[in-house]
């Protein structure tokens, strides 16, 4: 068994199982339902964005065109492909990343789906976390979960053990609407990765993310 296949085999059902059946899930708190509705209002659309933070560790992203594409939506999961301009890739884009926001029995979950050009699963994939509170109608935080911590330790990514991801979204047709994805770390107040997208001007949908 190759390394990627082994990692996939180790992923528990809670991390990469089939799309949840929305009919079996309890109602979301009002703030999370409003957030979900705002996220859902962009299904099928794509938007242009860019790096919005200054951390030198993200220099490879600076000045690169970006696209967020609401590529697949169901009543319980929304898949947003994150495309980054890359002259070294065929077609000029890195299409390896997809953000997965799902409903759960306890709230909302964010996972990261990472693929290679041939669609195969990357060794570091399906990491993320669940909300610990109701959040707000515009923003939800996702502290790193136990599965992700175990994977990061196994892969030597100790710097990621205190990750907290944030997703911010405004509903469609709101003036100055924005979407943002952000990474911070509880043990490193200097760490900030943030990309932001203009939701007032849809752009043509890009090709599918690798493996989708």
N, C-alpha and C. Protein backbone atom coordinates (compact mmCIF):
# COMPACT_ATOMS: atom_id res chain seq x y z
N UNK A 1 0.85 -1.20 0.00
CA UNK A 1 0.00 0.00 0.00
C UNK A 1 0.88 1.24 0.00
N UNK A 2 0.62 2.18 -0.94
CA UNK A 2 1.45 3.38 -0.96
C UNK A 2 1.07 4.33 0.18
N UNK A 3 1.90 5.36 0.37
CA UNK A 3 1.75 6.23 1.53
C UNK A 3 0.41 6.95 1.53
N UNK A 4 0.02 7.49 0.39
CA UNK A 4 -1.25 8.22 0.31
C UNK A 4 -2.42 7.30 0.62
N UNK A 5 -2.36 6.08 0.11
CA UNK A 5 -3.45 5.14 0.37
C UNK A 5 -3.51 4.77 1.84
N UNK A 6 -2.32 4.65 2.47
CA UNK A 6 -2.29 4.32 3.89
C UNK A 6 -2.92 5.42 4.72
N UNK A 7 -2.58 6.66 4.40
CA UNK A 7 -3.17 7.78 5.14
C UNK A 7 -4.68 7.79 4.99
N UNK A 8 -5.16 7.56 3.76
CA UNK A 8 -6.60 7.53 3.52
C UNK A 8 -7.26 6.45 4.34
N UNK A 9 -6.61 5.29 4.44
CA UNK A 9 -7.18 4.19 5.20
C UNK A 9 -7.28 4.51 6.67
N UNK A 10 -6.39 5.40 7.14
CA UNK A 10 -6.38 5.74 8.56
C UNK A 10 -7.40 6.80 8.93
N UNK A 11 -7.96 7.47 7.93
CA UNK A 11 -8.93 8.54 8.22
C UNK A 11 -10.21 7.93 8.76
N UNK A 12 -10.66 8.33 9.94
CA UNK A 12 -11.88 7.77 10.50
C UNK A 12 -13.10 8.23 9.72
N UNK A 13 -14.18 7.50 9.90
CA UNK A 13 -15.40 7.84 9.19
C UNK A 13 -15.85 9.25 9.48
N UNK A 14 -15.61 9.72 10.69
CA UNK A 14 -16.04 11.07 11.04
C UNK A 14 -15.33 12.13 10.23
N UNK A 15 -14.15 11.80 9.68
CA UNK A 15 -13.37 12.79 8.96
C UNK A 15 -13.71 12.85 7.48
N UNK A 16 -14.06 11.74 6.86
CA UNK A 16 -14.23 11.76 5.40
C UNK A 16 -15.42 10.94 4.94
N UNK A 17 -16.39 10.74 5.81
CA UNK A 17 -17.54 9.91 5.46
C UNK A 17 -18.39 10.60 4.41
N UNK A 18 -19.40 9.88 3.96
CA UNK A 18 -20.31 10.43 2.97
C UNK A 18 -21.00 11.68 3.52
N UNK A 19 -21.57 12.45 2.62
CA UNK A 19 -22.26 13.68 3.01
C UNK A 19 -23.36 13.36 4.02
N UNK A 20 -23.41 14.09 5.15
CA UNK A 20 -24.43 13.81 6.16
C UNK A 20 -25.84 13.96 5.61
N UNK A 21 -26.76 13.18 6.15
CA UNK A 21 -28.18 13.27 5.79
C UNK A 21 -28.79 14.40 6.60
N UNK A 22 -29.12 15.50 5.95
CA UNK A 22 -29.62 16.68 6.66
C UNK A 22 -30.89 16.40 7.44
N UNK A 23 -31.68 15.44 6.97
CA UNK A 23 -32.96 15.15 7.64
C UNK A 23 -32.76 14.54 9.02
N UNK A 24 -31.56 14.02 9.30
CA UNK A 24 -31.30 13.40 10.59
C UNK A 24 -30.63 14.36 11.57
N UNK A 25 -30.33 15.57 11.13
CA UNK A 25 -29.58 16.50 11.97
C UNK A 25 -30.52 17.45 12.70
N UNK A 26 -30.17 17.82 13.94
CA UNK A 26 -31.00 18.79 14.67
C UNK A 26 -30.83 20.18 14.07
N UNK A 27 -31.75 21.10 14.38
CA UNK A 27 -31.61 22.47 13.87
C UNK A 27 -30.31 23.11 14.38
N UNK A 28 -29.74 23.97 13.57
CA UNK A 28 -28.57 24.73 13.99
C UNK A 28 -28.99 25.89 14.89
N UNK A 29 -28.09 26.37 15.76
CA UNK A 29 -28.36 27.62 16.45
C UNK A 29 -28.64 28.73 15.44
N UNK A 30 -29.37 29.73 15.85
CA UNK A 30 -29.80 30.78 14.92
C UNK A 30 -28.62 31.43 14.20
N UNK A 31 -27.52 31.68 14.94
CA UNK A 31 -26.36 32.33 14.32
C UNK A 31 -25.75 31.44 13.24
N UNK A 32 -25.65 30.15 13.53
CA UNK A 32 -25.06 29.23 12.55
C UNK A 32 -25.99 29.00 11.37
N UNK A 33 -27.29 29.01 11.60
CA UNK A 33 -28.22 28.87 10.48
C UNK A 33 -28.11 30.07 9.54
N UNK A 34 -27.99 31.27 10.13
CA UNK A 34 -27.83 32.47 9.30
C UNK A 34 -26.51 32.42 8.52
N UNK A 35 -25.46 31.93 9.17
CA UNK A 35 -24.17 31.77 8.48
C UNK A 35 -24.30 30.76 7.34
N UNK A 36 -24.94 29.63 7.63
CA UNK A 36 -25.12 28.60 6.60
C UNK A 36 -25.92 29.14 5.42
N UNK A 37 -26.98 29.88 5.72
CA UNK A 37 -27.81 30.45 4.65
C UNK A 37 -27.00 31.40 3.79
N UNK A 38 -26.14 32.21 4.43
CA UNK A 38 -25.30 33.13 3.67
C UNK A 38 -24.32 32.37 2.78
N UNK A 39 -23.71 31.33 3.34
CA UNK A 39 -22.78 30.51 2.55
C UNK A 39 -23.50 29.87 1.38
N UNK A 40 -24.69 29.35 1.65
CA UNK A 40 -25.47 28.64 0.64
C UNK A 40 -25.93 29.57 -0.48
N UNK A 41 -26.07 30.85 -0.19
CA UNK A 41 -26.57 31.79 -1.20
C UNK A 41 -25.60 31.98 -2.36
N UNK A 42 -24.38 31.47 -2.22
CA UNK A 42 -23.37 31.62 -3.28
C UNK A 42 -23.16 30.33 -4.08
N UNK A 43 -23.97 29.31 -3.83
CA UNK A 43 -23.76 28.03 -4.49
C UNK A 43 -23.76 28.17 -6.01
N UNK A 44 -22.77 27.55 -6.64
CA UNK A 44 -22.62 27.58 -8.08
C UNK A 44 -21.82 28.76 -8.61
N UNK A 45 -21.53 29.72 -7.76
CA UNK A 45 -20.82 30.93 -8.21
C UNK A 45 -19.33 30.85 -7.89
N UNK A 46 -18.57 31.70 -8.55
CA UNK A 46 -17.14 31.81 -8.32
C UNK A 46 -16.77 33.28 -8.17
N UNK A 47 -15.73 33.55 -7.38
CA UNK A 47 -15.33 34.92 -7.10
C UNK A 47 -13.81 35.04 -7.10
N UNK A 48 -13.33 36.24 -7.43
CA UNK A 48 -11.90 36.52 -7.43
C UNK A 48 -11.47 37.05 -6.07
N UNK A 49 -10.23 36.71 -5.69
CA UNK A 49 -9.71 37.17 -4.42
C UNK A 49 -8.21 37.27 -4.43
N UNK A 50 -7.64 37.53 -3.23
CA UNK A 50 -6.20 37.69 -3.11
C UNK A 50 -5.80 37.52 -1.66
N UNK A 51 -4.49 37.43 -1.44
CA UNK A 51 -3.95 37.37 -0.08
C UNK A 51 -4.21 38.70 0.61
N UNK A 52 -4.73 38.64 1.85
CA UNK A 52 -5.08 39.86 2.57
C UNK A 52 -4.28 40.02 3.85
N UNK A 53 -3.25 39.20 4.05
CA UNK A 53 -2.41 39.27 5.24
C UNK A 53 -0.97 39.52 4.82
N UNK A 54 -0.10 39.82 5.82
CA UNK A 54 1.26 40.25 5.52
C UNK A 54 2.33 39.30 6.03
N UNK A 55 1.97 38.15 6.55
CA UNK A 55 2.94 37.22 7.14
C UNK A 55 3.96 36.79 6.08
N UNK A 56 5.24 36.95 6.38
CA UNK A 56 6.29 36.59 5.42
C UNK A 56 6.29 35.11 5.09
N UNK A 57 5.72 34.28 5.97
CA UNK A 57 5.67 32.84 5.72
C UNK A 57 4.76 32.50 4.53
N UNK A 58 3.96 33.44 4.10
CA UNK A 58 3.03 33.20 2.98
C UNK A 58 3.46 33.94 1.72
N UNK A 59 4.76 34.20 1.59
CA UNK A 59 5.26 34.96 0.45
C UNK A 59 4.90 34.32 -0.88
N UNK A 60 4.79 32.99 -0.91
CA UNK A 60 4.48 32.30 -2.17
C UNK A 60 3.09 32.64 -2.69
N UNK A 61 2.21 33.14 -1.81
CA UNK A 61 0.85 33.49 -2.22
C UNK A 61 0.72 34.95 -2.64
N UNK A 62 1.73 35.76 -2.31
CA UNK A 62 1.59 37.20 -2.54
C UNK A 62 1.56 37.52 -4.03
N UNK A 63 0.59 38.35 -4.40
CA UNK A 63 0.47 38.77 -5.79
C UNK A 63 -0.19 37.76 -6.70
N UNK A 64 -0.61 36.61 -6.16
CA UNK A 64 -1.22 35.57 -6.98
C UNK A 64 -2.74 35.79 -7.09
N UNK A 65 -3.26 35.60 -8.28
CA UNK A 65 -4.72 35.61 -8.45
C UNK A 65 -5.31 34.39 -7.76
N UNK A 66 -6.52 34.54 -7.22
CA UNK A 66 -7.18 33.44 -6.53
C UNK A 66 -8.65 33.39 -6.93
N UNK A 67 -9.22 32.20 -6.84
CA UNK A 67 -10.64 32.00 -7.09
C UNK A 67 -11.23 31.12 -5.99
N UNK A 68 -12.42 31.49 -5.53
CA UNK A 68 -13.21 30.64 -4.64
C UNK A 68 -14.46 30.24 -5.42
N UNK A 69 -14.64 28.93 -5.61
CA UNK A 69 -15.75 28.44 -6.43
C UNK A 69 -16.63 27.53 -5.58
N UNK A 70 -17.89 27.94 -5.37
CA UNK A 70 -18.86 27.11 -4.66
C UNK A 70 -19.25 25.97 -5.61
N UNK A 71 -18.46 24.91 -5.58
CA UNK A 71 -18.51 23.89 -6.63
C UNK A 71 -19.56 22.82 -6.41
N UNK A 72 -19.91 22.56 -5.16
CA UNK A 72 -20.83 21.46 -4.88
C UNK A 72 -21.58 21.77 -3.59
N UNK A 73 -22.90 21.76 -3.66
CA UNK A 73 -23.71 22.09 -2.49
C UNK A 73 -24.79 21.05 -2.27
N UNK A 74 -24.97 20.67 -1.02
CA UNK A 74 -26.08 19.81 -0.61
C UNK A 74 -26.69 20.44 0.63
N UNK A 75 -27.81 19.92 1.15
CA UNK A 75 -28.40 20.50 2.35
C UNK A 75 -27.50 20.41 3.59
N UNK A 76 -26.45 19.59 3.53
CA UNK A 76 -25.61 19.43 4.72
C UNK A 76 -24.12 19.62 4.46
N UNK A 77 -23.71 19.88 3.22
CA UNK A 77 -22.29 20.13 2.95
C UNK A 77 -22.12 21.08 1.78
N UNK A 78 -21.20 22.02 1.93
CA UNK A 78 -20.87 22.97 0.87
C UNK A 78 -19.38 22.86 0.59
N UNK A 79 -19.03 22.56 -0.66
CA UNK A 79 -17.64 22.41 -1.07
C UNK A 79 -17.22 23.64 -1.86
N UNK A 80 -16.19 24.32 -1.38
CA UNK A 80 -15.68 25.53 -2.02
C UNK A 80 -14.26 25.26 -2.49
N UNK A 81 -14.08 25.18 -3.80
CA UNK A 81 -12.75 24.96 -4.37
C UNK A 81 -11.95 26.26 -4.29
N UNK A 82 -10.70 26.14 -3.86
CA UNK A 82 -9.80 27.29 -3.71
C UNK A 82 -8.67 27.14 -4.73
N UNK A 83 -8.70 27.95 -5.77
CA UNK A 83 -7.72 27.89 -6.85
C UNK A 83 -6.72 29.03 -6.71
N UNK A 84 -5.44 28.72 -6.87
CA UNK A 84 -4.38 29.72 -6.73
C UNK A 84 -3.54 29.74 -8.01
N UNK A 85 -3.32 30.92 -8.54
CA UNK A 85 -2.51 31.07 -9.74
C UNK A 85 -1.12 30.48 -9.52
N UNK A 86 -0.65 29.68 -10.47
CA UNK A 86 0.67 29.05 -10.35
C UNK A 86 1.19 28.76 -11.76
N UNK A 87 2.17 29.53 -12.19
CA UNK A 87 2.69 29.41 -13.55
C UNK A 87 3.33 28.06 -13.82
N UNK A 88 3.72 27.35 -12.76
CA UNK A 88 4.38 26.06 -12.94
C UNK A 88 3.41 24.92 -13.15
N UNK A 89 2.12 25.16 -12.94
CA UNK A 89 1.12 24.12 -13.12
C UNK A 89 0.50 24.20 -14.51
N UNK A 90 0.08 23.05 -15.01
CA UNK A 90 -0.62 23.02 -16.30
C UNK A 90 -1.87 23.88 -16.21
N UNK A 91 -2.06 24.75 -17.17
CA UNK A 91 -3.20 25.65 -17.14
C UNK A 91 -2.99 26.88 -16.29
N UNK A 92 -1.85 26.94 -15.59
CA UNK A 92 -1.51 28.13 -14.82
C UNK A 92 -2.15 28.25 -13.46
N UNK A 93 -2.77 27.16 -12.96
CA UNK A 93 -3.45 27.22 -11.67
C UNK A 93 -3.17 25.97 -10.84
N UNK A 94 -3.01 26.18 -9.53
CA UNK A 94 -2.97 25.09 -8.56
C UNK A 94 -4.41 24.86 -8.10
N UNK A 95 -4.95 23.69 -8.43
CA UNK A 95 -6.35 23.37 -8.12
C UNK A 95 -6.43 22.24 -7.08
N UNK A 96 -5.49 22.24 -6.14
CA UNK A 96 -5.36 21.11 -5.21
C UNK A 96 -6.24 21.22 -3.97
N UNK A 97 -6.85 22.39 -3.73
CA UNK A 97 -7.49 22.64 -2.44
C UNK A 97 -9.00 22.82 -2.56
N UNK A 98 -9.72 22.18 -1.64
CA UNK A 98 -11.17 22.40 -1.52
C UNK A 98 -11.53 22.50 -0.05
N UNK A 99 -12.26 23.55 0.31
CA UNK A 99 -12.76 23.70 1.68
C UNK A 99 -14.14 23.05 1.77
N UNK A 100 -14.35 22.25 2.80
CA UNK A 100 -15.62 21.56 3.00
C UNK A 100 -16.25 22.04 4.30
N UNK A 101 -17.38 22.70 4.20
CA UNK A 101 -18.14 23.13 5.39
C UNK A 101 -19.37 22.25 5.48
N UNK A 102 -19.51 21.57 6.63
CA UNK A 102 -20.60 20.60 6.80
C UNK A 102 -21.38 20.89 8.06
N UNK A 103 -22.64 20.51 8.03
CA UNK A 103 -23.45 20.49 9.25
C UNK A 103 -23.19 19.20 10.00
N UNK A 104 -23.20 19.28 11.32
CA UNK A 104 -23.07 18.09 12.17
C UNK A 104 -24.16 18.15 13.23
N UNK A 105 -24.22 17.13 14.06
CA UNK A 105 -25.21 17.11 15.14
C UNK A 105 -24.90 18.17 16.20
N UNK A 106 -23.64 18.65 16.23
CA UNK A 106 -23.23 19.62 17.25
C UNK A 106 -23.05 21.03 16.71
N UNK A 107 -23.08 21.20 15.39
CA UNK A 107 -22.86 22.53 14.83
C UNK A 107 -22.33 22.46 13.42
N UNK A 108 -21.18 23.09 13.18
CA UNK A 108 -20.59 23.14 11.85
C UNK A 108 -19.16 22.59 11.89
N UNK A 109 -18.72 22.07 10.77
CA UNK A 109 -17.38 21.48 10.65
C UNK A 109 -16.70 22.03 9.40
N UNK A 110 -15.41 22.32 9.52
CA UNK A 110 -14.59 22.69 8.37
C UNK A 110 -13.52 21.63 8.16
N UNK A 111 -13.42 21.13 6.94
CA UNK A 111 -12.35 20.20 6.57
C UNK A 111 -11.67 20.70 5.30
N UNK A 112 -10.44 20.26 5.11
CA UNK A 112 -9.64 20.63 3.95
C UNK A 112 -9.36 19.39 3.12
N UNK A 113 -9.79 19.41 1.88
CA UNK A 113 -9.56 18.30 0.96
C UNK A 113 -8.39 18.68 0.05
N UNK A 114 -7.32 17.88 0.11
CA UNK A 114 -6.13 18.16 -0.70
C UNK A 114 -5.88 17.02 -1.67
N UNK A 115 -5.67 17.36 -2.95
CA UNK A 115 -5.45 16.36 -4.00
C UNK A 115 -4.21 16.70 -4.82
N UNK A 116 -3.69 15.67 -5.49
CA UNK A 116 -2.62 15.85 -6.47
C UNK A 116 -3.24 16.08 -7.85
N UNK A 117 -2.39 16.41 -8.82
CA UNK A 117 -2.88 16.70 -10.18
C UNK A 117 -3.70 15.55 -10.75
N UNK A 118 -3.31 14.31 -10.42
CA UNK A 118 -4.02 13.14 -10.96
C UNK A 118 -5.28 12.81 -10.18
N UNK A 119 -5.63 13.64 -9.19
CA UNK A 119 -6.83 13.43 -8.40
C UNK A 119 -6.63 12.58 -7.18
N UNK A 120 -5.44 12.02 -7.00
CA UNK A 120 -5.19 11.17 -5.84
C UNK A 120 -5.13 12.00 -4.57
N UNK A 121 -5.42 11.35 -3.45
CA UNK A 121 -5.46 12.02 -2.16
C UNK A 121 -4.06 12.37 -1.68
N UNK A 122 -3.87 13.59 -1.20
CA UNK A 122 -2.61 13.99 -0.60
C UNK A 122 -2.47 13.34 0.78
N UNK A 123 -1.24 13.17 1.23
CA UNK A 123 -1.01 12.57 2.55
C UNK A 123 -1.58 13.43 3.67
N UNK A 124 -1.59 14.74 3.48
CA UNK A 124 -2.13 15.65 4.49
C UNK A 124 -3.46 16.19 3.95
N UNK A 125 -4.54 15.63 4.44
CA UNK A 125 -5.87 15.99 3.94
C UNK A 125 -6.92 15.73 5.01
N UNK A 126 -8.10 16.26 4.81
CA UNK A 126 -9.23 16.08 5.73
C UNK A 126 -8.93 16.57 7.14
N UNK A 127 -8.06 17.56 7.25
CA UNK A 127 -7.82 18.17 8.56
C UNK A 127 -8.76 19.37 8.72
N UNK A 128 -8.97 19.76 9.96
CA UNK A 128 -9.87 20.87 10.24
C UNK A 128 -10.38 20.79 11.66
N UNK A 129 -11.64 21.19 11.86
CA UNK A 129 -12.20 21.17 13.19
C UNK A 129 -13.67 21.53 13.19
N UNK A 130 -14.27 21.47 14.38
CA UNK A 130 -15.68 21.76 14.58
C UNK A 130 -15.85 23.04 15.39
N UNK A 131 -16.96 23.70 15.19
CA UNK A 131 -17.27 24.88 16.00
C UNK A 131 -17.48 24.46 17.45
N UNK A 132 -17.11 25.35 18.37
CA UNK A 132 -17.31 25.09 19.80
C UNK A 132 -18.39 25.98 20.39
N UNK A 133 -18.89 26.91 19.60
CA UNK A 133 -19.95 27.80 20.05
C UNK A 133 -20.80 28.23 18.87
N UNK A 134 -21.77 29.09 19.13
CA UNK A 134 -22.70 29.49 18.08
C UNK A 134 -22.08 30.43 17.06
N UNK A 135 -20.98 31.12 17.43
CA UNK A 135 -20.38 32.06 16.50
C UNK A 135 -21.32 33.21 16.19
N UNK A 136 -21.19 33.76 14.99
CA UNK A 136 -22.07 34.84 14.55
C UNK A 136 -22.62 34.52 13.17
N UNK A 137 -23.56 35.31 12.73
CA UNK A 137 -24.14 35.10 11.40
C UNK A 137 -23.11 35.32 10.30
N UNK A 138 -22.03 36.01 10.59
CA UNK A 138 -21.03 36.32 9.58
C UNK A 138 -19.75 35.51 9.71
N UNK A 139 -19.42 35.04 10.91
CA UNK A 139 -18.12 34.39 11.11
C UNK A 139 -18.24 33.17 12.02
N UNK A 140 -17.49 32.12 11.66
CA UNK A 140 -17.43 30.90 12.46
C UNK A 140 -15.97 30.48 12.61
N UNK A 141 -15.61 30.06 13.83
CA UNK A 141 -14.25 29.60 14.13
C UNK A 141 -14.24 28.09 14.28
N UNK A 142 -13.14 27.47 13.80
CA UNK A 142 -13.01 26.02 13.80
C UNK A 142 -11.66 25.63 14.39
N UNK A 143 -11.58 25.40 15.72
CA UNK A 143 -10.31 24.97 16.32
C UNK A 143 -9.94 23.57 15.84
N UNK A 144 -8.64 23.32 15.75
CA UNK A 144 -8.13 22.04 15.27
C UNK A 144 -8.70 20.88 16.09
N UNK A 145 -9.10 19.80 15.42
CA UNK A 145 -9.69 18.65 16.12
C UNK A 145 -8.65 17.57 16.38
N UNK A 146 -9.06 16.54 17.14
CA UNK A 146 -8.14 15.49 17.56
C UNK A 146 -7.58 14.71 16.38
N UNK A 147 -8.41 14.44 15.38
CA UNK A 147 -7.93 13.73 14.19
C UNK A 147 -6.81 14.51 13.52
N UNK A 148 -7.01 15.81 13.38
CA UNK A 148 -6.02 16.64 12.71
C UNK A 148 -4.72 16.72 13.52
N UNK A 149 -4.84 16.85 14.84
CA UNK A 149 -3.65 16.89 15.69
C UNK A 149 -2.83 15.61 15.51
N UNK A 150 -3.51 14.46 15.53
CA UNK A 150 -2.80 13.19 15.35
C UNK A 150 -2.12 13.13 13.99
N UNK A 151 -2.78 13.59 12.96
CA UNK A 151 -2.19 13.58 11.62
C UNK A 151 -1.00 14.52 11.53
N UNK A 152 -1.14 15.73 12.09
CA UNK A 152 -0.04 16.69 12.06
C UNK A 152 1.18 16.14 12.81
N UNK A 153 0.95 15.50 13.95
CA UNK A 153 2.06 14.91 14.69
C UNK A 153 2.72 13.81 13.87
N UNK A 154 1.92 12.99 13.24
CA UNK A 154 2.45 11.89 12.43
C UNK A 154 3.26 12.42 11.25
N UNK A 155 2.84 13.55 10.69
CA UNK A 155 3.49 14.10 9.50
C UNK A 155 4.58 15.13 9.84
N UNK A 156 4.86 15.31 11.13
CA UNK A 156 5.90 16.25 11.52
C UNK A 156 5.52 17.71 11.38
N UNK A 157 4.23 18.01 11.45
CA UNK A 157 3.74 19.38 11.30
C UNK A 157 3.34 19.96 12.66
N UNK A 158 4.29 19.94 13.60
CA UNK A 158 3.98 20.35 14.97
C UNK A 158 3.54 21.80 15.06
N UNK A 159 3.94 22.63 14.12
CA UNK A 159 3.54 24.04 14.16
C UNK A 159 2.04 24.21 13.98
N UNK A 160 1.36 23.16 13.50
CA UNK A 160 -0.08 23.26 13.21
C UNK A 160 -0.97 22.73 14.32
N UNK A 161 -0.38 22.33 15.44
CA UNK A 161 -1.15 21.66 16.49
C UNK A 161 -2.14 22.57 17.20
N UNK A 162 -1.99 23.88 17.05
CA UNK A 162 -2.93 24.81 17.70
C UNK A 162 -3.68 25.66 16.67
N UNK A 163 -3.81 25.15 15.47
CA UNK A 163 -4.50 25.90 14.42
C UNK A 163 -5.94 26.24 14.80
N UNK A 164 -6.35 27.43 14.41
CA UNK A 164 -7.76 27.82 14.45
C UNK A 164 -8.08 28.46 13.10
N UNK A 165 -9.07 27.90 12.42
CA UNK A 165 -9.48 28.44 11.13
C UNK A 165 -10.75 29.27 11.31
N UNK A 166 -10.88 30.30 10.53
CA UNK A 166 -12.09 31.13 10.54
C UNK A 166 -12.61 31.27 9.12
N UNK A 167 -13.92 31.20 8.97
CA UNK A 167 -14.58 31.47 7.70
C UNK A 167 -15.57 32.62 7.93
N UNK A 168 -15.50 33.63 7.08
CA UNK A 168 -16.41 34.77 7.14
C UNK A 168 -17.15 34.89 5.82
N UNK A 169 -18.43 35.20 5.87
CA UNK A 169 -19.19 35.30 4.62
C UNK A 169 -20.36 36.25 4.80
N UNK A 170 -20.63 37.02 3.77
CA UNK A 170 -21.83 37.85 3.68
C UNK A 170 -22.78 37.20 2.69
N UNK A 171 -24.08 37.40 2.87
CA UNK A 171 -25.04 36.82 1.91
C UNK A 171 -24.95 37.49 0.55
N UNK A 172 -25.36 36.76 -0.47
CA UNK A 172 -25.39 37.30 -1.82
C UNK A 172 -26.27 38.55 -1.87
N UNK A 173 -25.89 39.47 -2.72
CA UNK A 173 -26.62 40.71 -2.98
C UNK A 173 -26.47 41.74 -1.87
N UNK A 174 -25.69 41.45 -0.84
CA UNK A 174 -25.42 42.47 0.17
C UNK A 174 -24.36 43.43 -0.37
N UNK A 175 -24.55 44.73 -0.25
CA UNK A 175 -23.53 45.67 -0.71
C UNK A 175 -22.18 45.41 -0.03
N UNK A 176 -21.12 45.45 -0.79
CA UNK A 176 -19.76 45.24 -0.27
C UNK A 176 -19.58 43.86 0.35
N UNK A 177 -20.32 42.87 -0.13
CA UNK A 177 -20.22 41.52 0.43
C UNK A 177 -18.82 40.95 0.22
N UNK A 178 -18.33 40.26 1.25
CA UNK A 178 -17.00 39.66 1.21
C UNK A 178 -17.04 38.24 1.76
N UNK A 179 -16.07 37.44 1.32
CA UNK A 179 -15.83 36.10 1.86
C UNK A 179 -14.36 36.04 2.24
N UNK A 180 -14.07 35.45 3.41
CA UNK A 180 -12.68 35.34 3.84
C UNK A 180 -12.44 33.99 4.50
N UNK A 181 -11.24 33.50 4.30
CA UNK A 181 -10.74 32.29 4.97
C UNK A 181 -9.47 32.71 5.70
N UNK A 182 -9.37 32.27 6.96
CA UNK A 182 -8.27 32.76 7.80
C UNK A 182 -7.71 31.62 8.66
N UNK A 183 -6.40 31.65 8.87
CA UNK A 183 -5.72 30.73 9.78
C UNK A 183 -4.94 31.52 10.81
N UNK A 184 -5.14 31.18 12.10
CA UNK A 184 -4.31 31.68 13.18
C UNK A 184 -3.88 30.49 14.03
N UNK A 185 -3.00 30.76 15.01
CA UNK A 185 -2.54 29.70 15.92
C UNK A 185 -2.57 30.21 17.34
N UNK A 186 -3.11 29.38 18.24
CA UNK A 186 -3.26 29.81 19.63
C UNK A 186 -1.92 30.06 20.30
N UNK A 187 -0.88 29.32 19.90
CA UNK A 187 0.42 29.47 20.55
C UNK A 187 1.36 30.42 19.81
N UNK A 188 0.86 31.10 18.78
CA UNK A 188 1.70 31.99 17.97
C UNK A 188 0.88 33.20 17.54
N UNK A 189 0.89 34.26 18.34
CA UNK A 189 0.07 35.44 18.01
C UNK A 189 0.52 36.15 16.74
N UNK A 190 1.70 35.81 16.22
CA UNK A 190 2.17 36.45 14.99
C UNK A 190 1.65 35.75 13.74
N UNK A 191 1.06 34.58 13.89
CA UNK A 191 0.66 33.83 12.70
C UNK A 191 -0.70 34.29 12.20
N UNK A 192 -0.74 34.73 10.95
CA UNK A 192 -2.01 35.11 10.32
C UNK A 192 -1.91 34.85 8.82
N UNK A 193 -2.74 33.95 8.34
CA UNK A 193 -2.92 33.75 6.90
C UNK A 193 -4.37 34.07 6.61
N UNK A 194 -4.60 34.97 5.65
CA UNK A 194 -5.96 35.38 5.34
C UNK A 194 -6.08 35.68 3.85
N UNK A 195 -7.09 35.10 3.24
CA UNK A 195 -7.42 35.42 1.86
C UNK A 195 -8.85 35.94 1.84
N UNK A 196 -9.12 36.91 0.97
CA UNK A 196 -10.44 37.55 0.93
C UNK A 196 -10.91 37.65 -0.52
N UNK A 197 -12.24 37.58 -0.68
CA UNK A 197 -12.85 37.54 -2.01
C UNK A 197 -14.00 38.54 -2.08
N UNK A 198 -14.14 39.18 -3.23
CA UNK A 198 -15.21 40.14 -3.49
C UNK A 198 -16.44 39.38 -3.98
N UNK A 199 -17.48 39.36 -3.16
CA UNK A 199 -18.70 38.62 -3.50
C UNK A 199 -19.70 39.44 -4.31
N UNK A 200 -19.35 40.66 -4.63
CA UNK A 200 -20.28 41.49 -5.40
C UNK A 200 -20.12 41.29 -6.90
N UNK A 201 -19.04 40.62 -7.32
CA UNK A 201 -18.75 40.46 -8.75
C UNK A 201 -18.39 39.02 -9.08
N UNK A 202 -19.37 38.18 -9.36
CA UNK A 202 -19.06 36.80 -9.76
C UNK A 202 -18.19 36.79 -11.02
N UNK A 203 -17.36 35.76 -11.11
CA UNK A 203 -16.50 35.55 -12.28
C UNK A 203 -16.84 34.20 -12.89
N UNK A 204 -16.41 33.92 -14.11
CA UNK A 204 -16.69 32.61 -14.70
C UNK A 204 -16.14 31.48 -13.83
N UNK A 205 -16.90 30.41 -13.73
CA UNK A 205 -16.48 29.27 -12.91
C UNK A 205 -15.23 28.64 -13.50
N UNK A 206 -14.23 28.32 -12.68
CA UNK A 206 -13.02 27.67 -13.17
C UNK A 206 -13.26 26.18 -13.40
N UNK A 207 -12.30 25.48 -14.00
CA UNK A 207 -12.40 24.02 -14.09
C UNK A 207 -12.48 23.42 -12.69
N UNK A 208 -12.96 22.18 -12.56
CA UNK A 208 -13.07 21.56 -11.24
C UNK A 208 -11.72 21.45 -10.54
N UNK A 209 -11.76 21.44 -9.22
CA UNK A 209 -10.56 21.13 -8.45
C UNK A 209 -10.09 19.72 -8.80
N UNK A 210 -8.82 19.47 -8.66
CA UNK A 210 -8.28 18.16 -8.99
C UNK A 210 -9.01 17.07 -8.20
N UNK A 211 -9.44 16.04 -8.88
CA UNK A 211 -10.09 14.92 -8.23
C UNK A 211 -11.57 15.08 -8.00
N UNK A 212 -12.16 16.21 -8.47
CA UNK A 212 -13.59 16.45 -8.24
C UNK A 212 -14.35 16.36 -9.55
